[in-house]
Protein backbone atom coordinates (compact mmCIF):
# COMPACT_ATOMS: atom_id res chain seq x y z
CA MET A 1 -16.11 -1.60 19.57
CA ALA A 2 -13.78 -3.52 17.67
CA PRO A 3 -10.32 -3.38 16.90
CA SER A 4 -7.67 -1.16 14.61
CA VAL A 5 -4.37 -0.44 13.86
CA ALA A 6 -1.76 2.71 15.21
CA GLU A 7 0.03 3.66 12.36
CA LEU A 8 3.04 6.07 13.74
CA SER A 9 3.69 6.71 9.85
CA THR A 10 5.43 5.04 6.71
CA ALA A 11 8.56 5.15 5.50
CA THR A 12 10.18 2.04 2.94
CA SER A 13 13.82 1.69 4.74
CA GLU A 14 13.85 4.85 6.30
CA PRO A 15 15.47 5.14 10.09
CA THR A 16 13.27 5.70 13.15
CA SER A 17 13.86 8.96 14.36
CA ASN A 18 13.25 7.64 18.25
CA GLY A 19 15.32 4.90 17.35
CA ASN A 20 15.13 1.05 17.70
CA ILE A 21 11.61 -0.89 18.27
CA ASP A 22 11.85 -1.20 21.94
CA ASN A 23 12.12 2.42 22.57
CA ILE A 24 9.21 2.46 19.57
CA LYS A 25 7.42 0.27 22.22
CA ARG A 26 8.24 2.41 25.29
CA ALA A 27 6.96 6.07 23.42
CA LEU A 28 3.96 3.56 22.64
CA LYS A 29 2.98 2.99 25.76
CA ALA A 30 3.85 6.31 26.97
CA HIS A 31 1.75 7.77 24.10
CA THR A 32 -1.33 5.73 24.82
CA ASP A 33 -1.04 6.17 28.95
CA ALA A 34 -1.88 9.85 28.00
CA ASP A 35 -3.80 9.60 25.58
CA GLY A 36 -5.32 6.22 24.77
CA PRO A 37 -5.67 5.11 21.18
CA LEU A 38 -9.74 4.37 20.26
CA TYR A 39 -8.98 1.43 18.60
CA PRO A 40 -5.99 -0.17 21.32
CA TYR A 41 -6.57 -4.17 20.26
CA TYR A 42 -4.60 -3.16 17.36
CA LEU A 43 -1.72 -0.94 18.29
CA PRO A 44 1.78 -2.78 16.89
CA TYR A 45 3.40 -6.28 18.31
CA TRP A 46 6.91 -7.00 17.42
CA ASP A 47 7.46 -10.86 18.53
CA ASN A 48 11.13 -11.46 17.74
CA ASP A 49 10.42 -15.90 17.55
CA GLU A 50 7.64 -15.23 15.52
CA LYS A 51 8.79 -16.90 11.64
CA PHE A 52 7.45 -17.38 8.77
CA PRO A 53 8.40 -19.52 5.87
CA PRO A 54 8.99 -19.11 2.36
CA THR A 55 6.13 -17.37 0.53
CA GLN A 56 5.09 -20.44 -2.61
CA LEU A 57 3.76 -19.23 -5.78
CA PHE A 58 0.21 -19.54 -6.71
CA GLU A 59 -2.58 -19.66 -8.94
CA HIS A 60 -4.39 -16.02 -9.25
CA THR A 61 -7.04 -15.26 -10.87
CA ASP A 62 -8.08 -11.40 -10.06
CA PRO A 63 -11.40 -10.76 -9.28
CA GLY A 64 -12.50 -8.29 -11.70
CA SER A 65 -11.73 -10.58 -14.44
CA ARG A 66 -15.97 -11.89 -13.42
CA ALA A 67 -17.41 -8.46 -12.68
CA ASP A 68 -20.51 -6.96 -14.34
CA PRO A 69 -18.79 -4.07 -16.47
CA GLU A 70 -21.69 -1.89 -14.95
CA LYS A 71 -21.38 -2.23 -11.45
CA PRO A 72 -24.95 -2.75 -9.94
CA HIS A 73 -23.89 -4.34 -7.20
CA LEU A 74 -21.34 -1.95 -6.35
CA LEU A 75 -22.82 1.65 -7.75
CA ASN A 76 -26.74 2.31 -7.94
CA ALA A 77 -29.24 4.56 -7.29
CA ASN A 78 -28.49 4.91 -3.56
CA THR A 79 -24.56 5.30 -4.50
CA THR A 80 -23.03 9.05 -5.07
CA THR A 81 -19.19 9.00 -6.23
CA LYS A 82 -17.22 11.69 -6.97
CA ASN A 83 -13.65 11.81 -9.29
CA ILE A 84 -10.97 13.74 -7.53
CA SER A 85 -8.78 13.78 -11.02
CA PRO A 86 -9.62 12.10 -14.18
CA TYR A 87 -6.27 10.37 -13.73
CA ILE A 88 -6.91 8.64 -10.29
CA GLY A 89 -9.05 9.10 -8.07
CA THR A 90 -12.86 8.35 -6.70
CA GLU A 91 -14.88 9.70 -3.48
CA VAL A 92 -17.66 6.82 -3.12
CA SER A 93 -20.40 7.45 0.28
CA GLY A 94 -23.65 4.95 0.28
CA VAL A 95 -21.99 1.77 -0.24
CA GLN A 96 -20.83 -0.58 2.43
CA ILE A 97 -17.71 -2.87 1.76
CA SER A 98 -18.68 -5.08 4.66
CA GLU A 99 -22.51 -6.00 2.68
CA LEU A 100 -21.07 -6.18 -0.91
CA THR A 101 -22.26 -9.86 -2.25
CA LYS A 102 -19.16 -11.35 -4.08
CA GLU A 103 -20.48 -10.15 -7.48
CA GLY A 104 -19.89 -6.48 -5.96
CA LEU A 105 -16.60 -8.04 -4.05
CA ASP A 106 -15.67 -8.13 -7.97
CA GLU A 107 -16.32 -5.02 -9.39
CA LEU A 108 -15.26 -3.24 -6.63
CA ALA A 109 -12.32 -4.66 -8.03
CA LEU A 110 -12.89 -3.74 -11.50
CA PHE A 111 -13.70 -0.10 -10.35
CA THR A 112 -10.31 0.39 -8.11
CA ALA A 113 -8.70 -1.09 -11.53
CA GLU A 114 -9.85 1.43 -13.57
CA ARG A 115 -10.08 4.26 -10.87
CA LYS A 116 -6.30 3.53 -9.26
CA VAL A 117 -8.00 4.86 -5.63
CA VAL A 118 -11.18 4.49 -4.41
CA ILE A 119 -11.78 6.12 -1.27
CA PHE A 120 -15.19 5.06 0.90
CA ARG A 121 -16.62 7.10 3.03
CA ASP A 122 -18.73 6.37 6.30
CA GLN A 123 -17.60 2.85 6.14
CA ASP A 124 -18.29 0.44 9.80
CA PHE A 125 -15.38 -1.77 8.57
CA LYS A 126 -13.67 -0.55 11.46
CA ASP A 127 -15.98 -2.09 13.92
CA LEU A 128 -15.84 -5.47 12.03
CA THR A 129 -14.50 -8.23 14.13
CA PRO A 130 -10.65 -9.21 12.51
CA GLU A 131 -11.58 -12.03 11.24
CA ARG A 132 -14.09 -10.35 9.45
CA GLN A 133 -11.54 -8.00 8.33
CA ILE A 134 -9.66 -10.49 6.97
CA GLU A 135 -12.58 -12.30 5.49
CA ILE A 136 -13.20 -9.82 2.98
CA ALA A 137 -9.64 -8.52 2.40
CA SER A 138 -8.73 -12.48 1.04
CA TYR A 139 -11.26 -12.36 -1.20
CA PHE A 140 -8.71 -10.68 -3.15
CA GLY A 141 -5.61 -12.71 -2.78
CA PRO A 142 -3.90 -14.74 -0.22
CA ILE A 143 -3.07 -11.38 2.59
CA GLN A 144 0.79 -11.11 2.23
CA ARG A 145 2.40 -11.00 6.15
CA HIS A 146 4.77 -8.64 6.36
CA PRO A 147 7.99 -9.66 7.24
CA THR A 148 9.68 -7.13 9.52
CA SER A 149 6.55 -4.88 11.04
CA GLY A 150 4.49 -5.02 13.72
CA ASN A 151 1.49 -6.73 13.20
CA VAL A 152 -1.73 -8.02 15.62
CA LYS A 153 -0.69 -10.21 18.06
CA GLY A 154 -2.67 -13.59 16.29
CA PHE A 155 -3.65 -11.98 13.36
CA PRO A 156 -0.02 -11.17 11.05
CA GLU A 157 -2.55 -10.21 8.35
CA PHE A 158 -2.48 -6.50 9.67
CA HIS A 159 0.49 -4.48 8.41
CA ILE A 160 0.98 -1.28 11.29
CA ARG A 161 4.16 0.69 10.24
CA GLU A 162 5.84 2.47 12.30
CA TYR A 163 7.11 6.53 10.57
CA ALA A 164 9.98 8.39 11.45
CA GLY A 165 11.36 9.38 8.32
CA GLY A 166 14.61 9.76 9.54
CA ASP A 167 17.23 13.00 9.28
CA ARG A 168 15.98 14.02 6.01
CA ILE A 169 14.57 17.39 4.71
CA ASN A 170 11.43 16.09 2.92
CA ARG A 171 9.40 12.80 4.06
CA THR A 172 8.22 12.30 0.58
CA SER A 173 8.53 7.93 -0.11
CA TRP A 174 6.84 7.27 -3.11
CA HIS A 175 6.63 3.30 -3.25
CA SER A 176 4.55 0.32 -3.93
CA ASP A 177 3.73 -2.03 -1.33
CA VAL A 178 6.66 -4.95 -0.96
CA SER A 179 6.56 -4.45 -4.54
CA TYR A 180 9.99 -7.25 -4.04
CA GLU A 181 7.29 -9.80 -3.58
CA LYS A 182 7.33 -12.52 -6.37
CA GLN A 183 3.77 -12.12 -6.59
CA PRO A 184 3.61 -8.35 -5.20
CA PRO A 185 -0.27 -7.27 -4.20
CA GLY A 186 -3.15 -6.15 -6.26
CA THR A 187 -6.35 -5.05 -4.88
CA THR A 188 -4.60 -3.45 -1.18
CA PHE A 189 -7.46 -2.13 1.43
CA PHE A 190 -6.22 0.89 4.01
CA LEU A 191 -8.40 1.27 6.76
CA SER A 192 -8.25 5.06 8.89
CA LEU A 193 -9.31 4.34 12.12
CA GLN A 194 -8.05 7.21 13.93
CA GLN A 195 -6.65 10.90 12.54
CA PRO A 196 -4.70 13.72 14.41
CA VAL A 197 -7.36 16.41 16.13
CA ALA A 198 -5.32 18.75 14.20
CA GLY A 199 -5.51 17.64 10.57
CA GLY A 200 -2.68 15.68 8.45
CA GLY A 201 -1.67 12.41 7.80
CA ASP A 202 -3.12 12.10 4.32
CA THR A 203 -1.71 9.47 1.81
CA LEU A 204 -0.30 10.92 -2.14
CA PHE A 205 -0.93 8.84 -4.02
CA LEU A 206 0.22 8.52 -8.47
CA SER A 207 -0.79 7.00 -11.04
CA GLN A 208 1.43 4.71 -12.56
CA VAL A 209 -0.77 4.74 -16.16
CA GLU A 210 -0.27 8.06 -16.91
CA ALA A 211 2.94 7.95 -15.41
CA TYR A 212 3.83 6.25 -18.19
CA ARG A 213 1.55 7.56 -21.34
CA ARG A 214 3.51 10.47 -20.34
CA LEU A 215 6.93 9.14 -21.76
CA SER A 216 6.93 9.23 -25.95
CA PRO A 217 6.18 6.51 -28.17
CA GLU A 218 10.49 5.75 -28.43
CA PHE A 219 10.92 6.03 -24.97
CA GLN A 220 7.92 4.49 -23.64
CA LYS A 221 9.45 1.55 -26.65
CA ARG A 222 13.07 1.73 -24.70
CA LEU A 223 11.57 0.50 -21.58
CA GLU A 224 8.97 -2.36 -22.68
CA GLY A 225 11.17 -5.30 -22.21
CA LEU A 226 12.99 -3.70 -19.73
CA LYS A 227 13.44 -5.64 -15.90
CA ALA A 228 14.22 -4.64 -12.63
CA VAL A 229 15.38 -6.20 -9.36
CA HIS A 230 13.09 -5.77 -6.92
CA SER A 231 14.92 -5.62 -3.20
CA ALA A 232 13.99 -6.37 0.48
CA VAL A 233 16.99 -6.97 1.53
CA ALA A 234 17.80 -3.36 2.73
CA GLN A 235 14.35 -3.27 5.06
CA ALA A 236 15.45 -6.54 6.87
CA GLU A 237 18.70 -5.05 7.36
CA PHE A 238 17.33 -2.12 9.37
CA ALA A 239 15.12 -4.55 10.98
CA ARG A 240 17.68 -5.78 12.61
CA LYS A 241 20.20 -3.05 13.16
CA GLN A 242 16.72 -1.92 15.19
CA ASN A 243 16.48 -5.14 17.03
CA GLY A 244 12.65 -6.22 15.13
CA PRO A 245 11.99 -9.27 13.43
CA VAL A 246 12.82 -10.40 10.52
CA ARG A 247 10.54 -13.45 10.35
CA ARG A 248 11.78 -14.48 6.92
CA GLU A 249 14.56 -13.87 4.52
CA PRO A 250 14.25 -11.00 2.79
CA VAL A 251 13.95 -11.78 -1.27
CA GLU A 252 14.79 -10.11 -4.37
CA SER A 253 13.00 -10.08 -7.18
CA GLU A 254 12.98 -8.64 -10.84
CA HIS A 255 9.54 -7.55 -12.11
CA PRO A 256 8.99 -6.02 -15.91
CA VAL A 257 9.96 -2.35 -15.70
CA VAL A 258 6.15 -1.79 -17.64
CA ARG A 259 4.08 -4.19 -16.71
CA GLN A 260 0.31 -5.04 -17.55
CA HIS A 261 -2.84 -5.46 -15.47
CA PRO A 262 -4.69 -8.23 -16.07
CA VAL A 263 -8.09 -7.19 -16.58
CA THR A 264 -8.26 -3.58 -17.88
CA GLY A 265 -5.20 -4.20 -20.13
CA GLU A 266 -3.42 -0.99 -19.10
CA LYS A 267 0.25 -0.48 -19.17
CA ALA A 268 1.67 0.52 -16.12
CA LEU A 269 4.82 1.53 -14.85
CA TYR A 270 6.42 -0.67 -12.41
CA VAL A 271 9.52 0.80 -10.91
CA ASN A 272 9.42 2.86 -7.41
CA GLN A 273 11.78 4.51 -5.24
CA GLY A 274 10.88 2.54 -1.94
CA PHE A 275 12.27 -1.27 -3.60
CA THR A 276 13.54 -1.23 -7.33
CA ARG A 277 17.39 -1.47 -6.70
CA ARG A 278 18.46 -1.67 -10.25
CA ILE A 279 17.79 -2.59 -14.14
CA ALA A 280 18.52 -5.97 -15.23
CA GLY A 281 21.93 -6.50 -17.34
CA TYR A 282 22.40 -2.01 -17.29
CA LYS A 283 26.00 -1.65 -15.78
CA LYS A 284 25.13 0.70 -12.38
CA GLU A 285 26.08 3.68 -14.09
CA GLU A 286 22.95 3.24 -16.93
CA SER A 287 21.36 1.54 -14.43
CA ASP A 288 21.53 4.43 -12.11
CA TYR A 289 20.49 7.16 -14.95
CA LEU A 290 17.53 5.27 -16.15
CA LEU A 291 15.92 5.27 -12.48
CA ASN A 292 16.48 8.23 -11.73
CA PHE A 293 15.12 9.77 -14.44
CA LEU A 294 11.99 7.56 -14.04
CA PHE A 295 11.41 8.34 -9.97
CA ASP A 296 11.72 11.92 -11.35
CA HIS A 297 8.99 12.11 -13.80
CA ILE A 298 7.33 10.06 -11.49
CA ALA A 299 7.83 12.67 -8.28
CA LYS A 300 6.89 15.77 -10.51
CA GLY A 301 3.42 13.98 -11.73
CA ALA A 302 1.53 16.43 -9.70
CA ASP A 303 -1.09 16.31 -12.24
CA PHE A 304 -1.94 13.16 -12.43
CA GLN A 305 -1.25 12.65 -8.40
CA VAL A 306 -4.22 12.89 -5.74
CA ARG A 307 -4.46 13.53 -1.70
CA ALA A 308 -6.55 11.29 -0.33
CA THR A 309 -7.64 12.67 3.18
CA TYR A 310 -9.74 11.11 6.20
CA ALA A 311 -12.30 11.20 8.18
CA PRO A 312 -13.17 8.35 10.82
CA GLY A 313 -15.04 5.69 8.96
CA SER A 314 -12.57 5.90 5.93
CA VAL A 315 -11.40 2.84 3.63
CA ILE A 316 -8.81 3.11 1.03
CA VAL A 317 -8.83 0.83 -1.51
CA TRP A 318 -6.36 0.91 -3.95
CA ASP A 319 -4.66 -1.14 -6.69
CA ASN A 320 -0.84 -1.77 -6.02
CA ARG A 321 -0.11 -2.88 -9.64
CA LEU A 322 -0.89 0.60 -11.49
CA THR A 323 0.01 3.10 -8.54
CA VAL A 324 2.90 4.28 -6.13
CA HIS A 325 1.73 6.26 -2.79
CA SER A 326 3.60 8.01 0.05
CA ALA A 327 2.33 8.78 3.97
CA VAL A 328 2.26 12.80 3.88
CA SER A 329 4.25 13.06 7.43
CA ASP A 330 3.11 16.59 8.54
CA PHE A 331 1.95 16.36 11.93
CA ASP A 332 3.09 16.68 15.56
CA ASN A 333 4.36 13.43 17.04
CA LYS A 334 1.97 13.90 19.94
CA GLU A 335 -0.87 13.48 17.41
CA ARG A 336 -1.89 9.75 16.70
CA ARG A 337 -2.61 8.52 13.47
CA HIS A 338 -3.89 4.99 13.71
CA ALA A 339 -5.17 2.67 10.59
CA VAL A 340 -4.37 -0.38 9.01
CA ARG A 341 -3.81 -2.61 5.82
CA LEU A 342 -3.99 -5.32 4.61
CA THR A 343 -2.68 -6.09 1.69
CA PRO A 344 -3.81 -9.44 -1.06
CA GLN A 345 -0.74 -10.39 -3.29
CA ALA A 346 -1.97 -10.93 -6.92
CA GLU A 347 -0.82 -12.61 -10.22
CA VAL A 348 2.90 -12.74 -11.20
CA PRO A 349 3.70 -9.40 -12.96
CA ILE A 350 2.52 -9.86 -16.73
CA PRO A 351 5.18 -7.52 -19.05
CA ALA A 352 4.18 -5.23 -21.39
């Protein structure tokens, strides 16, 4: 059986309930000793001496731009699909991601952009070698190496998150992964390895395309042309307070409030509660008012959200440019939720 990851849930920069990184390591060890994980190779690894250079800009061509719109290499007679919602989310069975040709991977990128979130069932992805998992994900872009989270020793491309949620009534935290990067993620892979026996541990996803469409044309015009600051500073400060690694200095980037997908041309809101800090050029009160309205609009959009559930062998692929998501921390701390994320970066966001 090949390796995997342990995710103890997710928050972007909230304090952990069991203290600093050393406490998390002790809790993980106790939990592992009591009830061993199915994939111990991917238990989170922290090395405070591990350092990464600043991320450099790179040319990016989305694989979806090469795809056959009919997707014959991805969706064929053996493939079954079921839409979860008209706006977002499709379940797929009868095809193995690991067996897709380059043409099939191109079609996967396009299909994911069109459906925003695609849940593949009964995959063998978890039992591939880490090198092969990385090879597949790298087809969609250079994989982001997270500056603060736990990773896999020798494989910093894997992202393992530890959750706590802090002292909050509601742990829902809508975000688009590492949107502070100059070139944030596009097609993203999340591999489920082990879920709580009693259920739970799902992920909520929301279409930022539909969130944008719901706004009035006049309000859409007001948003287009604006830029927002996305910041990694709070995440790095939190890691330092927890005696965790900061592998490279935190960055802040200005991205369009409304971005356009390079292949489908769809417009989407691109702000999120996790990393968007302010509207560039606005005074604080103005910025807070606008962002709070947009965050509230996103949080209340139950009719353009879906809840992704996991089963053994599930792999979720989503387009981080067109969605936000939040972990659902509804399981007991004694339960185990194992998962790993591979996060290919994409283009510099294109203004709408």
